[in-house]
Amino acid sequence: MKIIFSVYAIWNGIIFFLYGIDKSRAQRGAQRIQESVLIVTSLLMGGLGAMFGMVVFNHKTSKLKFRFWVPLSVILNLVVLFFILNK
């Protein structure tokens, strides 16, 4: 169980920094990370990192698709974790 939480925490940390990198690139006018990549990574067990990244970096918060998919991904991620841990 410890390893599951460790992997989950590390992955969400990576996703958090992915949002920070994209915000930094946006401010500098550099090449961005595709929105589809940001959304898919949140759905692939990175929902909490994406949510915190949106809030901390104030990034993608006005985009409707992110306001829909990221919270939904948090819920789906937690449901998956619940089922994994209660096997």
PDB file of N, CA and C in Angstrom:
ATOM      1  N   MET A   1       0.828  -1.196   0.000  1.00  0.00           N
ATOM      2  CA  MET A   1       0.000   0.000   0.000  1.00  0.00           C
ATOM      3  C   MET A   1       0.870   1.255   0.000  1.00  0.00           C
ATOM      4  N   LYS A   2       1.988   1.210   0.733  1.00  0.00           N
ATOM      5  CA  LYS A   2       2.884   2.361   0.778  1.00  0.00           C
ATOM      6  C   LYS A   2       3.406   2.722  -0.600  1.00  0.00           C
ATOM      7  N   ILE A   3       3.729   1.710  -1.375  1.00  0.00           N
ATOM      8  CA  ILE A   3       4.280   1.963  -2.705  1.00  0.00           C
ATOM      9  C   ILE A   3       3.239   2.603  -3.614  1.00  0.00           C
ATOM     10  N   ILE A   4       1.990   2.218  -3.462  1.00  0.00           N
ATOM     11  CA  ILE A   4       0.922   2.813  -4.274  1.00  0.00           C
ATOM     12  C   ILE A   4       0.813   4.309  -3.974  1.00  0.00           C
ATOM     13  N   PHE A   5       0.824   4.664  -2.697  1.00  0.00           N
ATOM     14  CA  PHE A   5       0.743   6.074  -2.338  1.00  0.00           C
ATOM     15  C   PHE A   5       1.985   6.837  -2.779  1.00  0.00           C
ATOM     16  N   SER A   6       3.144   6.205  -2.696  1.00  0.00           N
ATOM     17  CA  SER A   6       4.390   6.854  -3.116  1.00  0.00           C
ATOM     18  C   SER A   6       4.374   7.152  -4.615  1.00  0.00           C
ATOM     19  N   VAL A   7       3.995   6.153  -5.400  1.00  0.00           N
ATOM     20  CA  VAL A   7       3.926   6.341  -6.853  1.00  0.00           C
ATOM     21  C   VAL A   7       2.885   7.397  -7.200  1.00  0.00           C
ATOM     22  N   TYR A   8       1.741   7.339  -6.544  1.00  0.00           N
ATOM     23  CA  TYR A   8       0.665   8.315  -6.773  1.00  0.00           C
ATOM     24  C   TYR A   8       1.140   9.735  -6.449  1.00  0.00           C
ATOM     25  N   ALA A   9       1.840   9.896  -5.327  1.00  0.00           N
ATOM     26  CA  ALA A   9       2.335  11.214  -4.924  1.00  0.00           C
ATOM     27  C   ALA A   9       3.392  11.733  -5.894  1.00  0.00           C
ATOM     28  N   ILE A  10       4.302  10.876  -6.300  1.00  0.00           N
ATOM     29  CA  ILE A  10       5.353  11.297  -7.245  1.00  0.00           C
ATOM     30  C   ILE A  10       4.741  11.694  -8.584  1.00  0.00           C
ATOM     31  N   TRP A  11       3.817  10.871  -9.084  1.00  0.00           N
ATOM     32  CA  TRP A  11       3.169  11.166 -10.368  1.00  0.00           C
ATOM     33  C   TRP A  11       2.411  12.495 -10.303  1.00  0.00           C
ATOM     34  N   ASN A  12       1.685  12.723  -9.222  1.00  0.00           N
ATOM     35  CA  ASN A  12       0.942  13.970  -9.102  1.00  0.00           C
ATOM     36  C   ASN A  12       1.877  15.163  -8.943  1.00  0.00           C
ATOM     37  N   GLY A  13       3.023  14.952  -8.317  1.00  0.00           N
ATOM     38  CA  GLY A  13       4.033  16.013  -8.256  1.00  0.00           C
ATOM     39  C   GLY A  13       4.541  16.374  -9.637  1.00  0.00           C
ATOM     40  N   ILE A  14       4.755  15.357 -10.468  1.00  0.00           N
ATOM     41  CA  ILE A  14       5.195  15.604 -11.845  1.00  0.00           C
ATOM     42  C   ILE A  14       4.138  16.389 -12.612  1.00  0.00           C
ATOM     43  N   ILE A  15       2.890  16.009 -12.462  1.00  0.00           N
ATOM     44  CA  ILE A  15       1.802  16.705 -13.162  1.00  0.00           C
ATOM     45  C   ILE A  15       1.686  18.147 -12.666  1.00  0.00           C
ATOM     46  N   PHE A  16       1.836  18.353 -11.368  1.00  0.00           N
ATOM     47  CA  PHE A  16       1.826  19.701 -10.793  1.00  0.00           C
ATOM     48  C   PHE A  16       2.882  20.564 -11.482  1.00  0.00           C
ATOM     49  N   PHE A  17       4.102  20.043 -11.578  1.00  0.00           N
ATOM     50  CA  PHE A  17       5.176  20.806 -12.209  1.00  0.00           C
ATOM     51  C   PHE A  17       4.957  20.970 -13.712  1.00  0.00           C
ATOM     52  N   LEU A  18       4.265  20.032 -14.337  1.00  0.00           N
ATOM     53  CA  LEU A  18       3.926  20.157 -15.749  1.00  0.00           C
ATOM     54  C   LEU A  18       3.053  21.394 -15.985  1.00  0.00           C
ATOM     55  N   TYR A  19       2.101  21.620 -15.088  1.00  0.00           N
ATOM     56  CA  TYR A  19       1.265  22.821 -15.194  1.00  0.00           C
ATOM     57  C   TYR A  19       2.095  24.082 -14.950  1.00  0.00           C
ATOM     58  N   GLY A  20       3.027  24.012 -14.020  1.00  0.00           N
ATOM     59  CA  GLY A  20       3.907  25.150 -13.763  1.00  0.00           C
ATOM     60  C   GLY A  20       4.801  25.458 -14.949  1.00  0.00           C
ATOM     61  N   ILE A  21       5.319  24.423 -15.577  1.00  0.00           N
ATOM     62  CA  ILE A  21       6.163  24.608 -16.765  1.00  0.00           C
ATOM     63  C   ILE A  21       5.356  25.240 -17.881  1.00  0.00           C
ATOM     64  N   ASP A  22       4.129  24.754 -18.094  1.00  0.00           N
ATOM     65  CA  ASP A  22       3.295  25.310 -19.156  1.00  0.00           C
ATOM     66  C   ASP A  22       2.950  26.772 -18.874  1.00  0.00           C
ATOM     67  N   LYS A  23       2.685  27.102 -17.627  1.00  0.00           N
ATOM     68  CA  LYS A  23       2.397  28.498 -17.270  1.00  0.00           C
ATOM     69  C   LYS A  23       3.611  29.381 -17.548  1.00  0.00           C
ATOM     70  N   SER A  24       4.789  28.896 -17.184  1.00  0.00           N
ATOM     71  CA  SER A  24       6.017  29.640 -17.429  1.00  0.00           C
ATOM     72  C   SER A  24       6.248  29.848 -18.924  1.00  0.00           C
ATOM     73  N   ARG A  25       6.020  28.799 -19.688  1.00  0.00           N
ATOM     74  CA  ARG A  25       6.173  28.912 -21.142  1.00  0.00           C
ATOM     75  C   ARG A  25       5.170  29.890 -21.726  1.00  0.00           C
ATOM     76  N   ALA A  26       3.968  29.894 -21.197  1.00  0.00           N
ATOM     77  CA  ALA A  26       2.939  30.825 -21.683  1.00  0.00           C
ATOM     78  C   ALA A  26       3.365  32.267 -21.434  1.00  0.00           C
ATOM     79  N   GLN A  27       3.918  32.528 -20.279  1.00  0.00           N
ATOM     80  CA  GLN A  27       4.349  33.888 -19.935  1.00  0.00           C
ATOM     81  C   GLN A  27       5.528  34.343 -20.787  1.00  0.00           C
ATOM     82  N   ARG A  28       6.379  33.407 -21.186  1.00  0.00           N
ATOM     83  CA  ARG A  28       7.554  33.750 -21.996  1.00  0.00           C
ATOM     84  C   ARG A  28       7.275  33.692 -23.493  1.00  0.00           C
ATOM     85  N   GLY A  29       6.120  33.198 -23.865  1.00  0.00           N
ATOM     86  CA  GLY A  29       5.782  33.070 -25.276  1.00  0.00           C
ATOM     87  C   GLY A  29       6.484  31.898 -25.944  1.00  0.00           C
ATOM     88  N   ALA A  30       6.923  30.937 -25.158  1.00  0.00           N
ATOM     89  CA  ALA A  30       7.618  29.759 -25.680  1.00  0.00           C
ATOM     90  C   ALA A  30       6.611  28.695 -26.105  1.00  0.00           C
ATOM     91  N   GLN A  31       7.131  27.610 -26.682  1.00  0.00           N
ATOM     92  CA  GLN A  31       6.273  26.511 -27.122  1.00  0.00           C
ATOM     93  C   GLN A  31       5.585  25.877 -25.917  1.00  0.00           C
ATOM     94  N   ARG A  32       4.276  25.673 -26.041  1.00  0.00           N
ATOM     95  CA  ARG A  32       3.451  25.206 -24.941  1.00  0.00           C
ATOM     96  C   ARG A  32       3.273  23.700 -24.946  1.00  0.00           C
ATOM     97  N   ILE A  33       2.826  23.190 -23.822  1.00  0.00           N
ATOM     98  CA  ILE A  33       2.414  21.799 -23.714  1.00  0.00           C
ATOM     99  C   ILE A  33       0.968  21.738 -24.206  1.00  0.00           C
ATOM    100  N   GLN A  34       0.667  20.769 -25.041  1.00  0.00           N
ATOM    101  CA  GLN A  34      -0.676  20.685 -25.608  1.00  0.00           C
ATOM    102  C   GLN A  34      -1.720  20.508 -24.508  1.00  0.00           C
ATOM    103  N   GLU A  35      -2.860  21.157 -24.695  1.00  0.00           N
ATOM    104  CA  GLU A  35      -3.940  21.041 -23.716  1.00  0.00           C
ATOM    105  C   GLU A  35      -4.386  19.591 -23.569  1.00  0.00           C
ATOM    106  N   SER A  36      -4.408  18.855 -24.655  1.00  0.00           N
ATOM    107  CA  SER A  36      -4.827  17.453 -24.580  1.00  0.00           C
ATOM    108  C   SER A  36      -3.878  16.653 -23.681  1.00  0.00           C
ATOM    109  N   VAL A  37      -2.595  16.961 -23.710  1.00  0.00           N
ATOM    110  CA  VAL A  37      -1.623  16.274 -22.848  1.00  0.00           C
ATOM    111  C   VAL A  37      -1.919  16.594 -21.383  1.00  0.00           C
ATOM    112  N   LEU A  38      -2.204  17.850 -21.094  1.00  0.00           N
ATOM    113  CA  LEU A  38      -2.499  18.245 -19.718  1.00  0.00           C
ATOM    114  C   LEU A  38      -3.761  17.546 -19.198  1.00  0.00           C
ATOM    115  N   ILE A  39      -4.777  17.467 -20.027  1.00  0.00           N
ATOM    116  CA  ILE A  39      -6.027  16.830 -19.604  1.00  0.00           C
ATOM    117  C   ILE A  39      -5.856  15.312 -19.464  1.00  0.00           C
ATOM    118  N   VAL A  40      -5.215  14.690 -20.434  1.00  0.00           N
ATOM    119  CA  VAL A  40      -5.034  13.232 -20.384  1.00  0.00           C
ATOM    120  C   VAL A  40      -4.187  12.831 -19.181  1.00  0.00           C
ATOM    121  N   THR A  41      -3.130  13.582 -18.879  1.00  0.00           N
ATOM    122  CA  THR A  41      -2.312  13.241 -17.711  1.00  0.00           C
ATOM    123  C   THR A  41      -3.102  13.380 -16.416  1.00  0.00           C
ATOM    124  N   SER A  42      -4.037  14.310 -16.379  1.00  0.00           N
ATOM    125  CA  SER A  42      -4.868  14.417 -15.182  1.00  0.00           C
ATOM    126  C   SER A  42      -5.795  13.213 -15.058  1.00  0.00           C
ATOM    127  N   LEU A  43      -6.292  12.735 -16.181  1.00  0.00           N
ATOM    128  CA  LEU A  43      -7.159  11.550 -16.165  1.00  0.00           C
ATOM    129  C   LEU A  43      -6.388  10.280 -15.831  1.00  0.00           C
ATOM    130  N   LEU A  44      -5.103  10.251 -16.157  1.00  0.00           N
ATOM    131  CA  LEU A  44      -4.261   9.079 -15.881  1.00  0.00           C
ATOM    132  C   LEU A  44      -3.644   9.185 -14.493  1.00  0.00           C
ATOM    133  N   MET A  45      -4.501   9.328 -13.514  1.00  0.00           N
ATOM    134  CA  MET A  45      -4.131   9.356 -12.093  1.00  0.00           C
ATOM    135  C   MET A  45      -3.349  10.597 -11.679  1.00  0.00           C
ATOM    136  N   GLY A  46      -3.450  11.688 -12.437  1.00  0.00           N
ATOM    137  CA  GLY A  46      -2.756  12.919 -12.084  1.00  0.00           C
ATOM    138  C   GLY A  46      -3.700  14.056 -11.739  1.00  0.00           C
ATOM    139  N   GLY A  47      -4.918  13.714 -11.349  1.00  0.00           N
ATOM    140  CA  GLY A  47      -5.941  14.732 -11.089  1.00  0.00           C
ATOM    141  C   GLY A  47      -5.591  15.712  -9.985  1.00  0.00           C
ATOM    142  N   LEU A  48      -5.072  15.208  -8.874  1.00  0.00           N
ATOM    143  CA  LEU A  48      -4.742  16.111  -7.765  1.00  0.00           C
ATOM    144  C   LEU A  48      -3.607  17.055  -8.130  1.00  0.00           C
ATOM    145  N   GLY A  49      -2.602  16.541  -8.820  1.00  0.00           N
ATOM    146  CA  GLY A  49      -1.501  17.395  -9.260  1.00  0.00           C
ATOM    147  C   GLY A  49      -1.979  18.457 -10.223  1.00  0.00           C
ATOM    148  N   ALA A  50      -2.875  18.071 -11.123  1.00  0.00           N
ATOM    149  CA  ALA A  50      -3.437  19.032 -12.078  1.00  0.00           C
ATOM    150  C   ALA A  50      -4.265  20.098 -11.363  1.00  0.00           C
ATOM    151  N   MET A  51      -5.085  19.654 -10.420  1.00  0.00           N
ATOM    152  CA  MET A  51      -5.930  20.598  -9.679  1.00  0.00           C
ATOM    153  C   MET A  51      -5.072  21.598  -8.898  1.00  0.00           C
ATOM    154  N   PHE A  52      -4.077  21.098  -8.179  1.00  0.00           N
ATOM    155  CA  PHE A  52      -3.198  21.997  -7.432  1.00  0.00           C
ATOM    156  C   PHE A  52      -2.401  22.893  -8.370  1.00  0.00           C
ATOM    157  N   GLY A  53      -1.975  22.351  -9.513  1.00  0.00           N
ATOM    158  CA  GLY A  53      -1.256  23.154 -10.497  1.00  0.00           C
ATOM    159  C   GLY A  53      -2.109  24.279 -11.048  1.00  0.00           C
ATOM    160  N   MET A  54      -3.366  23.986 -11.309  1.00  0.00           N
ATOM    161  CA  MET A  54      -4.273  25.028 -11.793  1.00  0.00           C
ATOM    162  C   MET A  54      -4.427  26.141 -10.770  1.00  0.00           C
ATOM    163  N   VAL A  55      -4.583  25.760  -9.511  1.00  0.00           N
ATOM    164  CA  VAL A  55      -4.831  26.745  -8.453  1.00  0.00           C
ATOM    165  C   VAL A  55      -3.561  27.534  -8.121  1.00  0.00           C
ATOM    166  N   VAL A  56      -2.468  26.823  -7.877  1.00  0.00           N
ATOM    167  CA  VAL A  56      -1.227  27.489  -7.451  1.00  0.00           C
ATOM    168  C   VAL A  56      -0.681  28.402  -8.540  1.00  0.00           C
ATOM    169  N   PHE A  57      -0.691  27.926  -9.788  1.00  0.00           N
ATOM    170  CA  PHE A  57      -0.141  28.716 -10.883  1.00  0.00           C
ATOM    171  C   PHE A  57      -1.189  29.571 -11.580  1.00  0.00           C
ATOM    172  N   ASN A  58      -2.434  29.503 -11.113  1.00  0.00           N
ATOM    173  CA  ASN A  58      -3.550  30.217 -11.746  1.00  0.00           C
ATOM    174  C   ASN A  58      -3.517  29.970 -13.254  1.00  0.00           C
ATOM    175  N   HIS A  59      -3.478  28.694 -13.596  1.00  0.00           N
ATOM    176  CA  HIS A  59      -3.275  28.307 -14.989  1.00  0.00           C
ATOM    177  C   HIS A  59      -4.451  27.472 -15.480  1.00  0.00           C
ATOM    178  N   LYS A  60      -5.003  27.878 -16.602  1.00  0.00           N
ATOM    179  CA  LYS A  60      -6.127  27.183 -17.253  1.00  0.00           C
ATOM    180  C   LYS A  60      -7.415  27.259 -16.429  1.00  0.00           C
ATOM    181  N   THR A  61      -7.477  28.144 -15.478  1.00  0.00           N
ATOM    182  CA  THR A  61      -8.652  28.215 -14.613  1.00  0.00           C
ATOM    183  C   THR A  61      -9.871  28.816 -15.310  1.00  0.00           C
ATOM    184  N   SER A  62      -9.662  29.555 -16.371  1.00  0.00           N
ATOM    185  CA  SER A  62     -10.811  30.143 -17.058  1.00  0.00           C
ATOM    186  C   SER A  62     -11.302  29.269 -18.219  1.00  0.00           C
ATOM    187  N   LYS A  63     -10.574  28.231 -18.536  1.00  0.00           N
ATOM    188  CA  LYS A  63     -10.964  27.347 -19.641  1.00  0.00           C
ATOM    189  C   LYS A  63     -11.984  26.323 -19.151  1.00  0.00           C
ATOM    190  N   LEU A  64     -13.140  26.322 -19.787  1.00  0.00           N
ATOM    191  CA  LEU A  64     -14.251  25.459 -19.369  1.00  0.00           C
ATOM    192  C   LEU A  64     -13.877  23.985 -19.390  1.00  0.00           C
ATOM    193  N   LYS A  65     -13.152  23.557 -20.419  1.00  0.00           N
ATOM    194  CA  LYS A  65     -12.822  22.125 -20.481  1.00  0.00           C
ATOM    195  C   LYS A  65     -11.930  21.703 -19.329  1.00  0.00           C
ATOM    196  N   PHE A  66     -11.068  22.598 -18.839  1.00  0.00           N
ATOM    197  CA  PHE A  66     -10.231  22.261 -17.686  1.00  0.00           C
ATOM    198  C   PHE A  66     -11.047  22.314 -16.396  1.00  0.00           C
ATOM    199  N   ARG A  67     -11.972  23.257 -16.328  1.00  0.00           N
ATOM    200  CA  ARG A  67     -12.825  23.357 -15.138  1.00  0.00           C
ATOM    201  C   ARG A  67     -13.772  22.167 -15.034  1.00  0.00           C
ATOM    202  N   PHE A  68     -14.010  21.478 -16.145  1.00  0.00           N
ATOM    203  CA  PHE A  68     -14.837  20.270 -16.134  1.00  0.00           C
ATOM    204  C   PHE A  68     -13.988  19.012 -15.926  1.00  0.00           C
ATOM    205  N   TRP A  69     -12.974  18.814 -16.769  1.00  0.00           N
ATOM    206  CA  TRP A  69     -12.217  17.566 -16.793  1.00  0.00           C
ATOM    207  C   TRP A  69     -11.310  17.361 -15.590  1.00  0.00           C
ATOM    208  N   VAL A  70     -10.679  18.420 -15.109  1.00  0.00           N
ATOM    209  CA  VAL A  70      -9.740  18.227 -13.994  1.00  0.00           C
ATOM    210  C   VAL A  70     -10.466  17.818 -12.706  1.00  0.00           C
ATOM    211  N   PRO A  71     -11.535  18.512 -12.285  1.00  0.00           N
ATOM    212  CA  PRO A  71     -12.246  18.018 -11.088  1.00  0.00           C
ATOM    213  C   PRO A  71     -12.827  16.616 -11.286  1.00  0.00           C
ATOM    214  N   LEU A  72     -13.322  16.338 -12.495  1.00  0.00           N
ATOM    215  CA  LEU A  72     -13.828  14.996 -12.775  1.00  0.00           C
ATOM    216  C   LEU A  72     -12.704  13.967 -12.662  1.00  0.00           C
ATOM    217  N   SER A  73     -11.522  14.327 -13.122  1.00  0.00           N
ATOM    218  CA  SER A  73     -10.393  13.393 -13.036  1.00  0.00           C
ATOM    219  C   SER A  73     -10.008  13.129 -11.587  1.00  0.00           C
ATOM    220  N   VAL A  74     -10.126  14.143 -10.724  1.00  0.00           N
ATOM    221  CA  VAL A  74      -9.838  13.930  -9.297  1.00  0.00           C
ATOM    222  C   VAL A  74     -10.803  12.884  -8.734  1.00  0.00           C
ATOM    223  N   ILE A  75     -12.068  13.031  -9.043  1.00  0.00           N
ATOM    224  CA  ILE A  75     -13.079  12.089  -8.554  1.00  0.00           C
ATOM    225  C   ILE A  75     -12.806  10.684  -9.098  1.00  0.00           C
ATOM    226  N   LEU A  76     -12.568  10.586 -10.403  1.00  0.00           N
ATOM    227  CA  LEU A  76     -12.290   9.280 -11.005  1.00  0.00           C
ATOM    228  C   LEU A  76     -11.022   8.651 -10.433  1.00  0.00           C
ATOM    229  N   ASN A  77      -9.988   9.466 -10.235  1.00  0.00           N
ATOM    230  CA  ASN A  77      -8.730   8.968  -9.661  1.00  0.00           C
ATOM    231  C   ASN A  77      -8.956   8.411  -8.265  1.00  0.00           C
ATOM    232  N   LEU A  78      -9.744   9.111  -7.458  1.00  0.00           N
ATOM    233  CA  LEU A  78     -10.014   8.651  -6.095  1.00  0.00           C
ATOM    234  C   LEU A  78     -10.838   7.366  -6.086  1.00  0.00           C
ATOM    235  N   VAL A  79     -11.768   7.248  -7.017  1.00  0.00           N
ATOM    236  CA  VAL A  79     -12.556   6.016  -7.132  1.00  0.00           C
ATOM    237  C   VAL A  79     -11.643   4.843  -7.500  1.00  0.00           C
ATOM    238  N   VAL A  80     -10.742   5.059  -8.456  1.00  0.00           N
ATOM    239  CA  VAL A  80      -9.801   4.005  -8.851  1.00  0.00           C
ATOM    240  C   VAL A  80      -8.921   3.612  -7.668  1.00  0.00           C
ATOM    241  N   LEU A  81      -8.400   4.598  -6.952  1.00  0.00           N
ATOM    242  CA  LEU A  81      -7.569   4.301  -5.770  1.00  0.00           C
ATOM    243  C   LEU A  81      -8.351   3.500  -4.735  1.00  0.00           C
ATOM    244  N   PHE A  82      -9.588   3.884  -4.517  1.00  0.00           N
ATOM    245  CA  PHE A  82     -10.434   3.166  -3.567  1.00  0.00           C
ATOM    246  C   PHE A  82     -10.532   1.691  -3.932  1.00  0.00           C
ATOM    247  N   PHE A  83     -10.801   1.419  -5.214  1.00  0.00           N
ATOM    248  CA  PHE A  83     -10.957   0.028  -5.644  1.00  0.00           C
ATOM    249  C   PHE A  83      -9.627  -0.725  -5.598  1.00  0.00           C
ATOM    250  N   ILE A  84      -8.536  -0.059  -5.932  1.00  0.00           N
ATOM    251  CA  ILE A  84      -7.221  -0.710  -5.871  1.00  0.00           C
ATOM    252  C   ILE A  84      -6.895  -1.087  -4.422  1.00  0.00           C
ATOM    253  N   LEU A  85      -7.154  -0.181  -3.499  1.00  0.00           N
ATOM    254  CA  LEU A  85      -6.786  -0.397  -2.116  1.00  0.00           C
ATOM    255  C   LEU A  85      -7.729  -1.345  -1.381  1.00  0.00           C
ATOM    256  N   ASN A  86      -8.922  -1.563  -1.917  1.00  0.00           N
ATOM    257  CA  ASN A  86      -9.891  -2.455  -1.263  1.00  0.00           C
ATOM    258  C   ASN A  86     -10.042  -3.784  -2.006  1.00  0.00           C
ATOM    259  N   LYS A  87      -9.018  -4.180  -2.700  1.00  0.00           N
ATOM    260  CA  LYS A  87      -9.037  -5.482  -3.381  1.00  0.00           C
ATOM    261  C   LYS A  87      -8.914  -6.594  -2.394  1.00  0.00           C
TER     262      LYS A  87
END
